[in-house]
């Protein structure tokens, strides 16, 4: 039973990527990572996003998946780590054959660590 639990946790944790990895590559012009803001909300509600993020709401991701580059690694984020939109988007990307992760701290944690964000133009 312990082995099954350990395997489950190992697999679960492999779906996440830490903010340090993203920060290390943010300034690289040829970074393999693309940050995806998958929040399903209008810009007036969102107000800001992780600097350089591409906004594709989770509800639209399947319909827009052909806009994405198969050679990139996608990092999805939602409002908080406890919400499911990031997981829905991650499922869609992985099912379509993309390499993808969910940002472990979500937007809430990212902002809490004073990491780079940018205002969203209305």
PDB file of N, CA and C in Angstrom:
ATOM      1  N   UNK A   1       0.821  -1.208   0.000  1.00  0.00           N
ATOM      2  CA  UNK A   1       0.000   0.000   0.000  1.00  0.00           C
ATOM      3  C   UNK A   1       0.860   1.265   0.000  1.00  0.00           C
ATOM      4  N   UNK A   2       1.927   1.275   0.798  1.00  0.00           N
ATOM      5  CA  UNK A   2       2.803   2.447   0.843  1.00  0.00           C
ATOM      6  C   UNK A   2       3.416   2.708  -0.531  1.00  0.00           C
ATOM      7  N   UNK A   3       3.811   1.657  -1.227  1.00  0.00           N
ATOM      8  CA  UNK A   3       4.415   1.803  -2.550  1.00  0.00           C
ATOM      9  C   UNK A   3       3.434   2.461  -3.517  1.00  0.00           C
ATOM     10  N   UNK A   4       2.171   2.072  -3.461  1.00  0.00           N
ATOM     11  CA  UNK A   4       1.152   2.671  -4.322  1.00  0.00           C
ATOM     12  C   UNK A   4       0.970   4.152  -4.010  1.00  0.00           C
ATOM     13  N   UNK A   5       0.978   4.494  -2.745  1.00  0.00           N
ATOM     14  CA  UNK A   5       0.838   5.900  -2.348  1.00  0.00           C
ATOM     15  C   UNK A   5       2.031   6.716  -2.831  1.00  0.00           C
ATOM     16  N   UNK A   6       3.201   6.153  -2.672  1.00  0.00           N
ATOM     17  CA  UNK A   6       4.418   6.851  -3.105  1.00  0.00           C
ATOM     18  C   UNK A   6       4.396   7.060  -4.615  1.00  0.00           C
ATOM     19  N   UNK A   7       4.024   6.043  -5.362  1.00  0.00           N
ATOM     20  CA  UNK A   7       3.937   6.157  -6.824  1.00  0.00           C
ATOM     21  C   UNK A   7       2.900   7.197  -7.234  1.00  0.00           C
ATOM     22  N   UNK A   8       1.749   7.186  -6.564  1.00  0.00           N
ATOM     23  CA  UNK A   8       0.711   8.167  -6.855  1.00  0.00           C
ATOM     24  C   UNK A   8       1.241   9.584  -6.637  1.00  0.00           C
ATOM     25  N   UNK A   9       1.877   9.818  -5.493  1.00  0.00           N
ATOM     26  CA  UNK A   9       2.408  11.151  -5.195  1.00  0.00           C
ATOM     27  C   UNK A   9       3.509  11.548  -6.166  1.00  0.00           C
ATOM     28  N   UNK A  10       4.348  10.617  -6.520  1.00  0.00           N
ATOM     29  CA  UNK A  10       5.422  10.900  -7.476  1.00  0.00           C
ATOM     30  C   UNK A  10       4.824  11.331  -8.819  1.00  0.00           C
ATOM     31  N   UNK A  11       3.827  10.609  -9.281  1.00  0.00           N
ATOM     32  CA  UNK A  11       3.165  10.966 -10.540  1.00  0.00           C
ATOM     33  C   UNK A  11       2.446  12.307 -10.435  1.00  0.00           C
ATOM     34  N   UNK A  12       1.759  12.531  -9.331  1.00  0.00           N
ATOM     35  CA  UNK A  12       1.035  13.785  -9.117  1.00  0.00           C
ATOM     36  C   UNK A  12       1.996  14.975  -9.122  1.00  0.00           C
ATOM     37  N   UNK A  13       3.069  14.859  -8.385  1.00  0.00           N
ATOM     38  CA  UNK A  13       4.027  15.960  -8.292  1.00  0.00           C
ATOM     39  C   UNK A  13       4.757  16.213  -9.605  1.00  0.00           C
ATOM     40  N   UNK A  14       4.862  15.201 -10.453  1.00  0.00           N
ATOM     41  CA  UNK A  14       5.543  15.375 -11.738  1.00  0.00           C
ATOM     42  C   UNK A  14       4.757  16.281 -12.683  1.00  0.00           C
ATOM     43  N   UNK A  15       3.516  16.577 -12.360  1.00  0.00           N
ATOM     44  CA  UNK A  15       2.685  17.453 -13.187  1.00  0.00           C
ATOM     45  C   UNK A  15       2.940  18.933 -12.910  1.00  0.00           C
ATOM     46  N   UNK A  16       3.701  19.231 -11.883  1.00  0.00           N
ATOM     47  CA  UNK A  16       3.944  20.609 -11.461  1.00  0.00           C
ATOM     48  C   UNK A  16       5.366  21.046 -11.772  1.00  0.00           C
ATOM     49  N   UNK A  17       5.517  22.359 -11.956  1.00  0.00           N
ATOM     50  CA  UNK A  17       6.833  22.948 -12.138  1.00  0.00           C
ATOM     51  C   UNK A  17       6.954  24.110 -11.163  1.00  0.00           C
ATOM     52  N   UNK A  18       8.138  24.282 -10.615  1.00  0.00           N
ATOM     53  CA  UNK A  18       8.389  25.305  -9.613  1.00  0.00           C
ATOM     54  C   UNK A  18       8.682  26.648 -10.274  1.00  0.00           C
ATOM     55  N   UNK A  19       8.336  27.717  -9.586  1.00  0.00           N
ATOM     56  CA  UNK A  19       8.567  29.070 -10.109  1.00  0.00           C
ATOM     57  C   UNK A  19      10.039  29.346 -10.391  1.00  0.00           C
ATOM     58  N   UNK A  20      10.953  28.725  -9.649  1.00  0.00           N
ATOM     59  CA  UNK A  20      12.388  28.951  -9.868  1.00  0.00           C
ATOM     60  C   UNK A  20      12.808  28.567 -11.283  1.00  0.00           C
ATOM     61  N   UNK A  21      12.283  27.467 -11.775  1.00  0.00           N
ATOM     62  CA  UNK A  21      12.617  27.008 -13.126  1.00  0.00           C
ATOM     63  C   UNK A  21      12.157  28.036 -14.149  1.00  0.00           C
ATOM     64  N   UNK A  22      10.969  28.561 -13.953  1.00  0.00           N
ATOM     65  CA  UNK A  22      10.419  29.553 -14.877  1.00  0.00           C
ATOM     66  C   UNK A  22      11.213  30.852 -14.799  1.00  0.00           C
ATOM     67  N   UNK A  23      11.511  31.304 -13.603  1.00  0.00           N
ATOM     68  CA  UNK A  23      12.263  32.550 -13.430  1.00  0.00           C
ATOM     69  C   UNK A  23      13.629  32.468 -14.096  1.00  0.00           C
ATOM     70  N   UNK A  24      14.272  31.318 -14.000  1.00  0.00           N
ATOM     71  CA  UNK A  24      15.597  31.154 -14.606  1.00  0.00           C
ATOM     72  C   UNK A  24      15.559  31.295 -16.122  1.00  0.00           C
ATOM     73  N   UNK A  25      14.421  31.005 -16.733  1.00  0.00           N
ATOM     74  CA  UNK A  25      14.351  31.041 -18.195  1.00  0.00           C
ATOM     75  C   UNK A  25      13.573  32.235 -18.740  1.00  0.00           C
ATOM     76  N   UNK A  26      12.999  33.054 -17.885  1.00  0.00           N
ATOM     77  CA  UNK A  26      12.137  34.154 -18.348  1.00  0.00           C
ATOM     78  C   UNK A  26      12.847  35.145 -19.260  1.00  0.00           C
ATOM     79  N   UNK A  27      14.104  35.390 -19.019  1.00  0.00           N
ATOM     80  CA  UNK A  27      14.817  36.392 -19.802  1.00  0.00           C
ATOM     81  C   UNK A  27      15.515  35.818 -21.025  1.00  0.00           C
ATOM     82  N   UNK A  28      15.414  34.508 -21.219  1.00  0.00           N
ATOM     83  CA  UNK A  28      16.004  33.886 -22.402  1.00  0.00           C
ATOM     84  C   UNK A  28      15.088  34.104 -23.596  1.00  0.00           C
ATOM     85  N   UNK A  29      15.623  34.691 -24.651  1.00  0.00           N
ATOM     86  CA  UNK A  29      14.798  34.924 -25.837  1.00  0.00           C
ATOM     87  C   UNK A  29      14.395  33.615 -26.509  1.00  0.00           C
ATOM     88  N   UNK A  30      15.158  32.566 -26.263  1.00  0.00           N
ATOM     89  CA  UNK A  30      14.838  31.266 -26.864  1.00  0.00           C
ATOM     90  C   UNK A  30      14.361  30.257 -25.815  1.00  0.00           C
ATOM     91  N   UNK A  31      13.700  30.746 -24.781  1.00  0.00           N
ATOM     92  CA  UNK A  31      13.210  29.869 -23.717  1.00  0.00           C
ATOM     93  C   UNK A  31      12.279  28.806 -24.287  1.00  0.00           C
ATOM     94  N   UNK A  32      12.396  27.608 -23.757  1.00  0.00           N
ATOM     95  CA  UNK A  32      11.501  26.534 -24.206  1.00  0.00           C
ATOM     96  C   UNK A  32      10.133  26.625 -23.540  1.00  0.00           C
ATOM     97  N   UNK A  33      10.012  27.468 -22.511  1.00  0.00           N
ATOM     98  CA  UNK A  33       8.765  27.567 -21.753  1.00  0.00           C
ATOM     99  C   UNK A  33       7.855  28.672 -22.276  1.00  0.00           C
ATOM    100  N   UNK A  34       6.567  28.373 -22.337  1.00  0.00           N
ATOM    101  CA  UNK A  34       5.535  29.365 -22.626  1.00  0.00           C
ATOM    102  C   UNK A  34       4.560  29.309 -21.457  1.00  0.00           C
ATOM    103  N   UNK A  35       4.338  30.453 -20.835  1.00  0.00           N
ATOM    104  CA  UNK A  35       3.417  30.523 -19.699  1.00  0.00           C
ATOM    105  C   UNK A  35       2.020  30.823 -20.231  1.00  0.00           C
ATOM    106  N   UNK A  36       1.058  29.992 -19.845  1.00  0.00           N
ATOM    107  CA  UNK A  36      -0.329  30.152 -20.287  1.00  0.00           C
ATOM    108  C   UNK A  36      -1.230  30.533 -19.118  1.00  0.00           C
ATOM    109  N   UNK A  37      -1.861  31.684 -19.240  1.00  0.00           N
ATOM    110  CA  UNK A  37      -2.878  32.120 -18.282  1.00  0.00           C
ATOM    111  C   UNK A  37      -4.197  31.512 -18.746  1.00  0.00           C
ATOM    112  N   UNK A  38      -4.714  30.549 -17.998  1.00  0.00           N
ATOM    113  CA  UNK A  38      -5.922  29.834 -18.431  1.00  0.00           C
ATOM    114  C   UNK A  38      -7.169  30.235 -17.642  1.00  0.00           C
ATOM    115  N   UNK A  39      -7.112  31.379 -16.966  1.00  0.00           N
ATOM    116  CA  UNK A  39      -8.276  31.828 -16.197  1.00  0.00           C
ATOM    117  C   UNK A  39      -9.430  32.176 -17.135  1.00  0.00           C
ATOM    118  N   UNK A  40     -10.625  31.733 -16.790  1.00  0.00           N
ATOM    119  CA  UNK A  40     -11.839  32.014 -17.565  1.00  0.00           C
ATOM    120  C   UNK A  40     -12.501  33.271 -17.019  1.00  0.00           C
ATOM    121  N   UNK A  41     -11.929  34.416 -17.306  1.00  0.00           N
ATOM    122  CA  UNK A  41     -12.494  35.670 -16.799  1.00  0.00           C
ATOM    123  C   UNK A  41     -12.137  36.791 -17.764  1.00  0.00           C
ATOM    124  N   UNK A  42     -12.998  37.808 -17.867  1.00  0.00           N
ATOM    125  CA  UNK A  42     -12.662  38.952 -18.716  1.00  0.00           C
ATOM    126  C   UNK A  42     -11.495  39.742 -18.114  1.00  0.00           C
ATOM    127  N   UNK A  43     -10.825  40.502 -18.969  1.00  0.00           N
ATOM    128  CA  UNK A  43      -9.656  41.271 -18.526  1.00  0.00           C
ATOM    129  C   UNK A  43      -9.969  42.234 -17.393  1.00  0.00           C
ATOM    130  N   UNK A  44     -11.195  42.762 -17.344  1.00  0.00           N
ATOM    131  CA  UNK A  44     -11.561  43.686 -16.271  1.00  0.00           C
ATOM    132  C   UNK A  44     -11.480  42.996 -14.912  1.00  0.00           C
ATOM    133  N   UNK A  45     -11.722  41.703 -14.889  1.00  0.00           N
ATOM    134  CA  UNK A  45     -11.664  40.939 -13.643  1.00  0.00           C
ATOM    135  C   UNK A  45     -10.226  40.503 -13.365  1.00  0.00           C
ATOM    136  N   UNK A  46      -9.535  40.034 -14.401  1.00  0.00           N
ATOM    137  CA  UNK A  46      -8.174  39.517 -14.207  1.00  0.00           C
ATOM    138  C   UNK A  46      -7.200  40.626 -13.794  1.00  0.00           C
ATOM    139  N   UNK A  47      -7.237  41.756 -14.463  1.00  0.00           N
ATOM    140  CA  UNK A  47      -6.428  42.946 -14.185  1.00  0.00           C
ATOM    141  C   UNK A  47      -4.940  42.773 -14.456  1.00  0.00           C
ATOM    142  N   UNK A  48      -4.333  41.663 -14.032  1.00  0.00           N
ATOM    143  CA  UNK A  48      -2.912  41.459 -14.288  1.00  0.00           C
ATOM    144  C   UNK A  48      -2.641  39.986 -14.566  1.00  0.00           C
ATOM    145  N   UNK A  49      -1.420  39.730 -15.039  1.00  0.00           N
ATOM    146  CA  UNK A  49      -1.014  38.368 -15.358  1.00  0.00           C
ATOM    147  C   UNK A  49       0.488  38.245 -15.154  1.00  0.00           C
ATOM    148  N   UNK A  50       0.982  37.027 -15.163  1.00  0.00           N
ATOM    149  CA  UNK A  50       2.421  36.810 -15.085  1.00  0.00           C
ATOM    150  C   UNK A  50       3.049  37.442 -16.318  1.00  0.00           C
ATOM    151  N   UNK A  51       4.147  38.142 -16.109  1.00  0.00           N
ATOM    152  CA  UNK A  51       4.814  38.862 -17.190  1.00  0.00           C
ATOM    153  C   UNK A  51       5.128  37.908 -18.345  1.00  0.00           C
ATOM    154  N   UNK A  52       4.676  38.309 -19.533  1.00  0.00           N
ATOM    155  CA  UNK A  52       4.944  37.541 -20.738  1.00  0.00           C
ATOM    156  C   UNK A  52       3.998  36.387 -20.995  1.00  0.00           C
ATOM    157  N   UNK A  53       2.998  36.216 -20.146  1.00  0.00           N
ATOM    158  CA  UNK A  53       2.070  35.087 -20.307  1.00  0.00           C
ATOM    159  C   UNK A  53       1.182  35.269 -21.535  1.00  0.00           C
ATOM    160  N   UNK A  54       0.820  34.151 -22.115  1.00  0.00           N
ATOM    161  CA  UNK A  54      -0.140  34.097 -23.204  1.00  0.00           C
ATOM    162  C   UNK A  54      -1.483  33.717 -22.589  1.00  0.00           C
ATOM    163  N   UNK A  55      -2.515  34.500 -22.863  1.00  0.00           N
ATOM    164  CA  UNK A  55      -3.827  34.237 -22.259  1.00  0.00           C
ATOM    165  C   UNK A  55      -4.708  33.441 -23.215  1.00  0.00           C
ATOM    166  N   UNK A  56      -5.000  32.210 -22.828  1.00  0.00           N
ATOM    167  CA  UNK A  56      -5.984  31.377 -23.524  1.00  0.00           C
ATOM    168  C   UNK A  56      -6.836  30.736 -22.437  1.00  0.00           C
ATOM    169  N   UNK A  57      -8.077  31.187 -22.280  1.00  0.00           N
ATOM    170  CA  UNK A  57      -8.926  30.610 -21.235  1.00  0.00           C
ATOM    171  C   UNK A  57      -9.057  29.092 -21.388  1.00  0.00           C
ATOM    172  N   UNK A  58      -9.122  28.402 -20.281  1.00  0.00           N
ATOM    173  CA  UNK A  58      -9.237  26.937 -20.291  1.00  0.00           C
ATOM    174  C   UNK A  58     -10.423  26.485 -21.137  1.00  0.00           C
ATOM    175  N   UNK A  59     -11.515  27.237 -21.096  1.00  0.00           N
ATOM    176  CA  UNK A  59     -12.711  26.857 -21.854  1.00  0.00           C
ATOM    177  C   UNK A  59     -12.497  26.939 -23.363  1.00  0.00           C
ATOM    178  N   UNK A  60     -11.484  27.686 -23.812  1.00  0.00           N
ATOM    179  CA  UNK A  60     -11.201  27.854 -25.241  1.00  0.00           C
ATOM    180  C   UNK A  60      -9.988  27.055 -25.713  1.00  0.00           C
ATOM    181  N   UNK A  61      -9.282  26.434 -24.806  1.00  0.00           N
ATOM    182  CA  UNK A  61      -7.992  25.832 -25.139  1.00  0.00           C
ATOM    183  C   UNK A  61      -8.097  24.745 -26.212  1.00  0.00           C
ATOM    184  N   UNK A  62      -9.040  23.845 -26.093  1.00  0.00           N
ATOM    185  CA  UNK A  62      -9.167  22.772 -27.103  1.00  0.00           C
ATOM    186  C   UNK A  62      -9.398  23.347 -28.497  1.00  0.00           C
ATOM    187  N   UNK A  63     -10.213  24.379 -28.593  1.00  0.00           N
ATOM    188  CA  UNK A  63     -10.518  24.993 -29.887  1.00  0.00           C
ATOM    189  C   UNK A  63      -9.329  25.766 -30.454  1.00  0.00           C
ATOM    190  N   UNK A  64      -8.422  26.203 -29.588  1.00  0.00           N
ATOM    191  CA  UNK A  64      -7.287  27.022 -30.028  1.00  0.00           C
ATOM    192  C   UNK A  64      -5.957  26.281 -29.964  1.00  0.00           C
ATOM    193  N   UNK A  65      -5.986  24.988 -29.714  1.00  0.00           N
ATOM    194  CA  UNK A  65      -4.760  24.224 -29.492  1.00  0.00           C
ATOM    195  C   UNK A  65      -3.830  24.259 -30.707  1.00  0.00           C
ATOM    196  N   UNK A  66      -4.402  24.431 -31.909  1.00  0.00           N
ATOM    197  CA  UNK A  66      -3.571  24.482 -33.119  1.00  0.00           C
ATOM    198  C   UNK A  66      -2.733  25.757 -33.203  1.00  0.00           C
ATOM    199  N   UNK A  67      -2.988  26.732 -32.345  1.00  0.00           N
ATOM    200  CA  UNK A  67      -2.186  27.958 -32.294  1.00  0.00           C
ATOM    201  C   UNK A  67      -0.865  27.741 -31.556  1.00  0.00           C
ATOM    202  N   UNK A  68      -0.741  26.615 -30.869  1.00  0.00           N
ATOM    203  CA  UNK A  68       0.419  26.370 -30.013  1.00  0.00           C
ATOM    204  C   UNK A  68       1.509  25.594 -30.747  1.00  0.00           C
ATOM    205  N   UNK A  69       2.747  25.832 -30.327  1.00  0.00           N
ATOM    206  CA  UNK A  69       3.936  25.208 -30.911  1.00  0.00           C
ATOM    207  C   UNK A  69       4.259  23.911 -30.167  1.00  0.00           C
ATOM    208  N   UNK A  70       4.252  22.794 -30.875  1.00  0.00           N
ATOM    209  CA  UNK A  70       4.538  21.485 -30.260  1.00  0.00           C
ATOM    210  C   UNK A  70       5.957  21.397 -29.701  1.00  0.00           C
ATOM    211  N   UNK A  71       6.848  22.295 -30.124  1.00  0.00           N
ATOM    212  CA  UNK A  71       8.241  22.257 -29.663  1.00  0.00           C
ATOM    213  C   UNK A  71       8.462  23.012 -28.360  1.00  0.00           C
ATOM    214  N   UNK A  72       7.438  23.650 -27.856  1.00  0.00           N
ATOM    215  CA  UNK A  72       7.543  24.404 -26.604  1.00  0.00           C
ATOM    216  C   UNK A  72       6.999  23.581 -25.444  1.00  0.00           C
ATOM    217  N   UNK A  73       7.367  23.994 -24.249  1.00  0.00           N
ATOM    218  CA  UNK A  73       6.855  23.384 -23.017  1.00  0.00           C
ATOM    219  C   UNK A  73       5.906  24.407 -22.400  1.00  0.00           C
ATOM    220  N   UNK A  74       4.666  24.011 -22.184  1.00  0.00           N
ATOM    221  CA  UNK A  74       3.649  24.933 -21.683  1.00  0.00           C
ATOM    222  C   UNK A  74       3.482  24.803 -20.173  1.00  0.00           C
ATOM    223  N   UNK A  75       3.422  25.970 -19.532  1.00  0.00           N
ATOM    224  CA  UNK A  75       3.231  26.048 -18.081  1.00  0.00           C
ATOM    225  C   UNK A  75       1.932  26.805 -17.858  1.00  0.00           C
ATOM    226  N   UNK A  76       0.920  26.102 -17.367  1.00  0.00           N
ATOM    227  CA  UNK A  76      -0.393  26.714 -17.169  1.00  0.00           C
ATOM    228  C   UNK A  76      -0.544  27.201 -15.733  1.00  0.00           C
ATOM    229  N   UNK A  77      -1.319  28.262 -15.589  1.00  0.00           N
ATOM    230  CA  UNK A  77      -1.636  28.711 -14.230  1.00  0.00           C
ATOM    231  C   UNK A  77      -3.052  29.243 -14.174  1.00  0.00           C
ATOM    232  N   UNK A  78      -3.571  29.212 -12.964  1.00  0.00           N
ATOM    233  CA  UNK A  78      -4.928  29.648 -12.654  1.00  0.00           C
ATOM    234  C   UNK A  78      -4.817  30.638 -11.495  1.00  0.00           C
ATOM    235  N   UNK A  79      -5.943  31.016 -10.915  1.00  0.00           N
ATOM    236  CA  UNK A  79      -5.952  31.960  -9.787  1.00  0.00           C
ATOM    237  C   UNK A  79      -5.143  31.433  -8.607  1.00  0.00           C
ATOM    238  N   UNK A  80      -5.490  30.236  -8.144  1.00  0.00           N
ATOM    239  CA  UNK A  80      -4.814  29.649  -6.979  1.00  0.00           C
ATOM    240  C   UNK A  80      -4.517  28.180  -7.267  1.00  0.00           C
ATOM    241  N   UNK A  81      -3.643  27.615  -6.471  1.00  0.00           N
ATOM    242  CA  UNK A  81      -3.262  26.214  -6.671  1.00  0.00           C
ATOM    243  C   UNK A  81      -4.420  25.263  -6.386  1.00  0.00           C
ATOM    244  N   UNK A  82      -5.421  25.709  -5.649  1.00  0.00           N
ATOM    245  CA  UNK A  82      -6.531  24.838  -5.279  1.00  0.00           C
ATOM    246  C   UNK A  82      -7.664  24.779  -6.285  1.00  0.00           C
ATOM    247  N   UNK A  83      -7.610  25.598  -7.326  1.00  0.00           N
ATOM    248  CA  UNK A  83      -8.677  25.587  -8.325  1.00  0.00           C
ATOM    249  C   UNK A  83      -8.365  24.578  -9.430  1.00  0.00           C
ATOM    250  N   UNK A  84      -9.343  24.279 -10.258  1.00  0.00           N
ATOM    251  CA  UNK A  84      -9.174  23.192 -11.228  1.00  0.00           C
ATOM    252  C   UNK A  84      -8.913  23.622 -12.666  1.00  0.00           C
ATOM    253  N   UNK A  85      -9.026  24.890 -12.991  1.00  0.00           N
ATOM    254  CA  UNK A  85      -8.829  25.305 -14.383  1.00  0.00           C
ATOM    255  C   UNK A  85      -7.453  24.924 -14.910  1.00  0.00           C
ATOM    256  N   UNK A  86      -6.438  25.077 -14.087  1.00  0.00           N
ATOM    257  CA  UNK A  86      -5.091  24.690 -14.503  1.00  0.00           C
ATOM    258  C   UNK A  86      -5.012  23.209 -14.820  1.00  0.00           C
ATOM    259  N   UNK A  87      -5.681  22.416 -14.026  1.00  0.00           N
ATOM    260  CA  UNK A  87      -5.676  20.966 -14.242  1.00  0.00           C
ATOM    261  C   UNK A  87      -6.450  20.593 -15.503  1.00  0.00           C
ATOM    262  N   UNK A  88      -7.557  21.281 -15.762  1.00  0.00           N
ATOM    263  CA  UNK A  88      -8.334  21.061 -16.988  1.00  0.00           C
ATOM    264  C   UNK A  88      -7.472  21.397 -18.207  1.00  0.00           C
ATOM    265  N   UNK A  89      -6.781  22.533 -18.158  1.00  0.00           N
ATOM    266  CA  UNK A  89      -5.913  22.941 -19.263  1.00  0.00           C
ATOM    267  C   UNK A  89      -4.739  21.976 -19.421  1.00  0.00           C
ATOM    268  N   UNK A  90      -4.159  21.566 -18.319  1.00  0.00           N
ATOM    269  CA  UNK A  90      -3.048  20.614 -18.360  1.00  0.00           C
ATOM    270  C   UNK A  90      -3.496  19.306 -19.007  1.00  0.00           C
ATOM    271  N   UNK A  91      -4.665  18.831 -18.644  1.00  0.00           N
ATOM    272  CA  UNK A  91      -5.218  17.609 -19.232  1.00  0.00           C
ATOM    273  C   UNK A  91      -5.374  17.762 -20.747  1.00  0.00           C
ATOM    274  N   UNK A  92      -5.901  18.904 -21.189  1.00  0.00           N
ATOM    275  CA  UNK A  92      -6.095  19.145 -22.626  1.00  0.00           C
ATOM    276  C   UNK A  92      -4.763  19.142 -23.365  1.00  0.00           C
ATOM    277  N   UNK A  93      -3.761  19.802 -22.796  1.00  0.00           N
ATOM    278  CA  UNK A  93      -2.449  19.868 -23.443  1.00  0.00           C
ATOM    279  C   UNK A  93      -1.775  18.500 -23.499  1.00  0.00           C
ATOM    280  N   UNK A  94      -1.758  17.806 -22.382  1.00  0.00           N
ATOM    281  CA  UNK A  94      -1.125  16.486 -22.346  1.00  0.00           C
ATOM    282  C   UNK A  94      -1.845  15.516 -23.280  1.00  0.00           C
ATOM    283  N   UNK A  95      -3.158  15.581 -23.327  1.00  0.00           N
ATOM    284  CA  UNK A  95      -3.945  14.702 -24.206  1.00  0.00           C
ATOM    285  C   UNK A  95      -3.661  14.970 -25.683  1.00  0.00           C
ATOM    286  N   UNK A  96      -3.300  16.212 -26.000  1.00  0.00           N
ATOM    287  CA  UNK A  96      -2.990  16.584 -27.384  1.00  0.00           C
ATOM    288  C   UNK A  96      -1.520  16.353 -27.730  1.00  0.00           C
ATOM    289  N   UNK A  97      -0.756  15.791 -26.799  1.00  0.00           N
ATOM    290  CA  UNK A  97       0.636  15.450 -27.078  1.00  0.00           C
ATOM    291  C   UNK A  97       1.653  16.523 -26.752  1.00  0.00           C
ATOM    292  N   UNK A  98       1.238  17.574 -26.063  1.00  0.00           N
ATOM    293  CA  UNK A  98       2.165  18.636 -25.680  1.00  0.00           C
ATOM    294  C   UNK A  98       2.889  18.272 -24.392  1.00  0.00           C
ATOM    295  N   UNK A  99       4.094  18.807 -24.232  1.00  0.00           N
ATOM    296  CA  UNK A  99       4.766  18.725 -22.938  1.00  0.00           C
ATOM    297  C   UNK A  99       4.252  19.915 -22.134  1.00  0.00           C
ATOM    298  N   UNK A 100       3.742  19.657 -20.939  1.00  0.00           N
ATOM    299  CA  UNK A 100       3.116  20.727 -20.165  1.00  0.00           C
ATOM    300  C   UNK A 100       3.174  20.425 -18.678  1.00  0.00           C
ATOM    301  N   UNK A 101       3.106  21.501 -17.899  1.00  0.00           N
ATOM    302  CA  UNK A 101       3.110  21.434 -16.445  1.00  0.00           C
ATOM    303  C   UNK A 101       2.136  22.471 -15.919  1.00  0.00           C
ATOM    304  N   UNK A 102       1.759  22.316 -14.659  1.00  0.00           N
ATOM    305  CA  UNK A 102       1.003  23.356 -13.966  1.00  0.00           C
ATOM    306  C   UNK A 102       1.971  24.080 -13.036  1.00  0.00           C
ATOM    307  N   UNK A 103       1.896  25.396 -13.000  1.00  0.00           N
ATOM    308  CA  UNK A 103       2.736  26.189 -12.107  1.00  0.00           C
ATOM    309  C   UNK A 103       2.334  25.898 -10.673  1.00  0.00           C
ATOM    310  N   UNK A 104       3.275  25.433  -9.886  1.00  0.00           N
ATOM    311  CA  UNK A 104       2.948  24.946  -8.540  1.00  0.00           C
ATOM    312  C   UNK A 104       2.375  26.014  -7.620  1.00  0.00           C
ATOM    313  N   UNK A 105       2.733  27.258  -7.811  1.00  0.00           N
ATOM    314  CA  UNK A 105       2.274  28.301  -6.892  1.00  0.00           C
ATOM    315  C   UNK A 105       1.058  29.060  -7.410  1.00  0.00           C
ATOM    316  N   UNK A 106       0.651  28.814  -8.647  1.00  0.00           N
ATOM    317  CA  UNK A 106      -0.440  29.542  -9.296  1.00  0.00           C
ATOM    318  C   UNK A 106      -0.164  31.052  -9.253  1.00  0.00           C
ATOM    319  N   UNK A 107      -1.102  31.843  -9.711  1.00  0.00           N
ATOM    320  CA  UNK A 107      -0.908  33.297  -9.734  1.00  0.00           C
ATOM    321  C   UNK A 107      -0.820  33.865  -8.323  1.00  0.00           C
ATOM    322  N   UNK A 108      -1.630  33.361  -7.432  1.00  0.00           N
ATOM    323  CA  UNK A 108      -1.635  33.856  -6.052  1.00  0.00           C
ATOM    324  C   UNK A 108      -0.248  33.729  -5.410  1.00  0.00           C
ATOM    325  N   UNK A 109       0.367  32.593  -5.535  1.00  0.00           N
ATOM    326  CA  UNK A 109       1.696  32.383  -4.966  1.00  0.00           C
ATOM    327  C   UNK A 109       2.757  33.202  -5.673  1.00  0.00           C
ATOM    328  N   UNK A 110       2.643  33.296  -7.001  1.00  0.00           N
ATOM    329  CA  UNK A 110       3.584  34.071  -7.806  1.00  0.00           C
ATOM    330  C   UNK A 110       3.593  35.527  -7.332  1.00  0.00           C
ATOM    331  N   UNK A 111       2.403  36.105  -7.200  1.00  0.00           N
ATOM    332  CA  UNK A 111       2.304  37.489  -6.748  1.00  0.00           C
ATOM    333  C   UNK A 111       2.741  37.628  -5.295  1.00  0.00           C
ATOM    334  N   UNK A 112       2.448  36.633  -4.481  1.00  0.00           N
ATOM    335  CA  UNK A 112       2.851  36.655  -3.079  1.00  0.00           C
ATOM    336  C   UNK A 112       4.358  36.682  -2.896  1.00  0.00           C
ATOM    337  N   UNK A 113       5.086  36.159  -3.883  1.00  0.00           N
ATOM    338  CA  UNK A 113       6.553  36.172  -3.843  1.00  0.00           C
ATOM    339  C   UNK A 113       7.125  37.377  -4.573  1.00  0.00           C
ATOM    340  N   UNK A 114       6.252  38.307  -4.967  1.00  0.00           N
ATOM    341  CA  UNK A 114       6.652  39.523  -5.685  1.00  0.00           C
ATOM    342  C   UNK A 114       7.416  39.224  -6.968  1.00  0.00           C
ATOM    343  N   UNK A 115       6.977  38.209  -7.689  1.00  0.00           N
ATOM    344  CA  UNK A 115       7.578  37.870  -8.973  1.00  0.00           C
ATOM    345  C   UNK A 115       6.911  38.714 -10.056  1.00  0.00           C
ATOM    346  N   UNK A 116       7.525  38.839 -11.233  1.00  0.00           N
ATOM    347  CA  UNK A 116       7.056  39.795 -12.244  1.00  0.00           C
ATOM    348  C   UNK A 116       5.646  39.527 -12.776  1.00  0.00           C
ATOM    349  N   UNK A 117       4.827  40.566 -12.696  1.00  0.00           N
ATOM    350  CA  UNK A 117       3.492  40.562 -13.300  1.00  0.00           C
ATOM    351  C   UNK A 117       3.375  41.812 -14.165  1.00  0.00           C
ATOM    352  N   UNK A 118       2.383  41.811 -15.026  1.00  0.00           N
ATOM    353  CA  UNK A 118       2.127  42.985 -15.862  1.00  0.00           C
ATOM    354  C   UNK A 118       0.628  43.232 -15.903  1.00  0.00           C
ATOM    355  N   UNK A 119       0.264  44.494 -16.053  1.00  0.00           N
ATOM    356  CA  UNK A 119      -1.149  44.843 -16.161  1.00  0.00           C
ATOM    357  C   UNK A 119      -1.692  44.366 -17.496  1.00  0.00           C
ATOM    358  N   UNK A 120      -2.950  43.997 -17.497  1.00  0.00           N
ATOM    359  CA  UNK A 120      -3.624  43.602 -18.730  1.00  0.00           C
ATOM    360  C   UNK A 120      -4.353  44.825 -19.255  1.00  0.00           C
ATOM    361  N   UNK A 121      -4.110  45.142 -20.513  1.00  0.00           N
ATOM    362  CA  UNK A 121      -4.788  46.288 -21.111  1.00  0.00           C
ATOM    363  C   UNK A 121      -6.233  45.930 -21.405  1.00  0.00           C
ATOM    364  N   UNK A 122      -7.113  46.863 -21.108  1.00  0.00           N
ATOM    365  CA  UNK A 122      -8.547  46.636 -21.346  1.00  0.00           C
ATOM    366  C   UNK A 122      -8.931  47.000 -22.754  1.00  0.00           C
TER     367      UNK A 122
END
